[in-house]
Amino acid sequence: MQNIRSIFLMLAGATVFVAMLLFTFSVTLAVGGILTVLMVGRALSLKMKPAPVRAKANNGQREMRIWNDGRGTIIDL
């Protein structure tokens, strides 16, 4: 009778250990997936910045260069 109880307790303990192991693994995969999606979204949003726009001033003087580099307008006199 003592051996049967010992075997049952050992199997119950092993079952709980495997359940906790699977839970930890699944949470790790879920967090990794969320971080991957966030990193891909950030990389794509950085790529979708508008291209620099160039414009020319037609005032008859020396050519003035104006362009936008995505961080602000630059005027070269």
C-alpha atoms as a PDB file:
ATOM      1  CA  MET A   1       0.000   0.000   0.000  1.00  0.00           C
ATOM      2  CA  GLN A   2       2.859   2.372   0.831  1.00  0.00           C
ATOM      3  CA  ASN A   3       4.480   1.744  -2.566  1.00  0.00           C
ATOM      4  CA  ILE A   4       1.271   2.533  -4.449  1.00  0.00           C
ATOM      5  CA  ARG A   5       0.870   5.805  -2.539  1.00  0.00           C
ATOM      6  CA  SER A   6       4.510   6.731  -3.226  1.00  0.00           C
ATOM      7  CA  ILE A   7       4.139   6.018  -6.930  1.00  0.00           C
ATOM      8  CA  PHE A   8       0.918   8.046  -7.080  1.00  0.00           C
ATOM      9  CA  LEU A   9       2.541  11.026  -5.323  1.00  0.00           C
ATOM     10  CA  MET A  10       5.576  10.781  -7.600  1.00  0.00           C
ATOM     11  CA  LEU A  11       3.360  10.762 -10.711  1.00  0.00           C
ATOM     12  CA  ALA A  12       1.295  13.684  -9.378  1.00  0.00           C
ATOM     13  CA  GLY A  13       4.460  15.677  -8.705  1.00  0.00           C
ATOM     14  CA  ALA A  14       5.847  14.913 -12.156  1.00  0.00           C
ATOM     15  CA  THR A  15       2.520  15.954 -13.724  1.00  0.00           C
ATOM     16  CA  VAL A  16       2.533  19.278 -11.878  1.00  0.00           C
ATOM     17  CA  PHE A  17       6.180  19.842 -12.874  1.00  0.00           C
ATOM     18  CA  VAL A  18       5.470  19.167 -16.562  1.00  0.00           C
ATOM     19  CA  ALA A  19       2.366  21.399 -16.434  1.00  0.00           C
ATOM     20  CA  MET A  20       4.407  24.289 -14.976  1.00  0.00           C
ATOM     21  CA  LEU A  21       7.128  23.688 -17.574  1.00  0.00           C
ATOM     22  CA  LEU A  22       4.608  23.859 -20.431  1.00  0.00           C
ATOM     23  CA  PHE A  23       2.986  26.968 -18.943  1.00  0.00           C
ATOM     24  CA  THR A  24       6.358  28.735 -18.662  1.00  0.00           C
ATOM     25  CA  PHE A  25       7.264  27.775 -22.218  1.00  0.00           C
ATOM     26  CA  SER A  26       3.947  29.004 -23.610  1.00  0.00           C
ATOM     27  CA  VAL A  27       4.202  32.338 -21.768  1.00  0.00           C
ATOM     28  CA  THR A  28       7.754  32.752 -23.079  1.00  0.00           C
ATOM     29  CA  LEU A  29       6.568  32.120 -26.642  1.00  0.00           C
ATOM     30  CA  ALA A  30       3.670  34.555 -26.230  1.00  0.00           C
ATOM     31  CA  VAL A  31       5.909  37.350 -24.918  1.00  0.00           C
ATOM     32  CA  GLY A  32       8.437  36.674 -27.681  1.00  0.00           C
ATOM     33  CA  GLY A  33       5.694  36.854 -30.317  1.00  0.00           C
ATOM     34  CA  ILE A  34       4.356  40.129 -28.950  1.00  0.00           C
ATOM     35  CA  LEU A  35       7.839  41.663 -28.886  1.00  0.00           C
ATOM     36  CA  THR A  36       8.480  40.467 -32.438  1.00  0.00           C
ATOM     37  CA  VAL A  37       5.264  42.050 -33.708  1.00  0.00           C
ATOM     38  CA  LEU A  38       6.103  45.327 -31.952  1.00  0.00           C
ATOM     39  CA  MET A  39       9.640  45.384 -33.386  1.00  0.00           C
ATOM     40  CA  VAL A  40       8.409  44.664 -36.930  1.00  0.00           C
ATOM     41  CA  GLY A  41       5.763  47.370 -36.608  1.00  0.00           C
ATOM     42  CA  ARG A  42       8.336  49.889 -35.442  1.00  0.00           C
ATOM     43  CA  ALA A  43      10.729  48.988 -38.252  1.00  0.00           C
ATOM     44  CA  LEU A  44       7.978  49.357 -40.842  1.00  0.00           C
ATOM     45  CA  SER A  45       6.794  52.667 -39.417  1.00  0.00           C
ATOM     46  CA  LEU A  46      10.341  54.049 -39.588  1.00  0.00           C
ATOM     47  CA  LYS A  47      10.592  53.004 -43.247  1.00  0.00           C
ATOM     48  CA  MET A  48       7.354  54.754 -44.194  1.00  0.00           C
ATOM     49  CA  LYS A  49       8.644  58.264 -43.534  1.00  0.00           C
ATOM     50  CA  PRO A  50       8.001  60.637 -46.447  1.00  0.00           C
ATOM     51  CA  ALA A  51      10.749  61.167 -49.010  1.00  0.00           C
ATOM     52  CA  PRO A  52      12.527  64.542 -48.929  1.00  0.00           C
ATOM     53  CA  VAL A  53      10.814  67.176 -51.081  1.00  0.00           C
ATOM     54  CA  ARG A  54      12.903  69.608 -53.143  1.00  0.00           C
ATOM     55  CA  ALA A  55      11.670  72.962 -54.338  1.00  0.00           C
ATOM     56  CA  LYS A  56      13.343  75.716 -56.359  1.00  0.00           C
ATOM     57  CA  ALA A  57      12.957  79.423 -55.792  1.00  0.00           C
ATOM     58  CA  ASN A  58      12.362  81.455 -58.972  1.00  0.00           C
ATOM     59  CA  ASN A  59      13.320  84.972 -57.873  1.00  0.00           C
ATOM     60  CA  GLY A  60      15.841  85.787 -60.619  1.00  0.00           C
ATOM     61  CA  GLN A  61      18.809  85.908 -58.267  1.00  0.00           C
ATOM     62  CA  ARG A  62      21.280  83.221 -57.418  1.00  0.00           C
ATOM     63  CA  GLU A  63      19.509  79.880 -57.073  1.00  0.00           C
ATOM     64  CA  MET A  64      18.246  79.314 -53.552  1.00  0.00           C
ATOM     65  CA  ARG A  65      17.910  75.671 -52.564  1.00  0.00           C
ATOM     66  CA  ILE A  66      15.068  74.606 -50.297  1.00  0.00           C
ATOM     67  CA  TRP A  67      14.413  71.034 -49.246  1.00  0.00           C
ATOM     68  CA  ASN A  68      12.829  69.010 -46.507  1.00  0.00           C
ATOM     69  CA  ASP A  69      14.910  66.199 -45.075  1.00  0.00           C
ATOM     70  CA  GLY A  70      12.074  64.759 -42.982  1.00  0.00           C
ATOM     71  CA  ARG A  71      13.169  66.579 -39.816  1.00  0.00           C
ATOM     72  CA  GLY A  72      12.464  70.108 -41.045  1.00  0.00           C
ATOM     73  CA  THR A  73      12.795  72.481 -43.982  1.00  0.00           C
ATOM     74  CA  ILE A  74      16.307  73.541 -44.949  1.00  0.00           C
ATOM     75  CA  ILE A  75      16.883  76.774 -46.884  1.00  0.00           C
ATOM     76  CA  ASP A  76      20.324  77.175 -48.481  1.00  0.00           C
ATOM     77  CA  LEU A  77      20.923  80.847 -49.337  1.00  0.00           C
END
